[in-house]
């Protein structure tokens, strides 16, 4: 929800879509709220790509990360939703809206039908079991959209498009691979390409040109 306590998007959308929607909200941020059932919810949501680590890491992993965030003041843990609203800075009408939004979301969960934004039923979750958790999120820079130009061997190119001896580049920012979009619906494309070009660069450096 936004700083006014309003739900503003289908939270099941790709992460670049949710932060784009958040960029049009007050302060360009959004609040994420969950309850004590977050681990079971994460298993049921069955997300892919980077976010799958939450599910695959298991209870010890996710609880450890949450404890770290709580200690750092980035995540709030409260016994009541009223207390959580206060901790997150909701006051006056915004706090009333926050509480009403959670109540409405629970209603949609009970119906197993998101009448407001069309989220799939299996990704709806009740927010009723203490403790309750909340944090503020927003967009951040993930990759540059141009990066360093390379040839088919992974060598960095100079201003004349000539290979720079001894310099090899791999990773998301090489070769303008993500010049137009970071395709979050193609899980593994970044890691797979990075690993492939890294192996190719190592073989070039070892003199195994045809390997």
Foldseek 3Di string as FASTA:
>chain_A
DALLLDDDAQPLDPPVVVLVSLCPGVVSKDKDKAAPCVLVLLCLSPDDAPSCCSNVVPDVVVVVVQVVCVVVVQKDWAFDLLVVCVSVPRDDSSSVSNVVNLVVLQVCLVVLADPPHGHHSSNRDHHDHDTMMMGMDHDDDDEAQAAFADDPLQFGADPVRHGDPPHGDAFDRYRSPNNDHDPPVPHPPRVVRRVVSVVSNVCVVVVVPPD
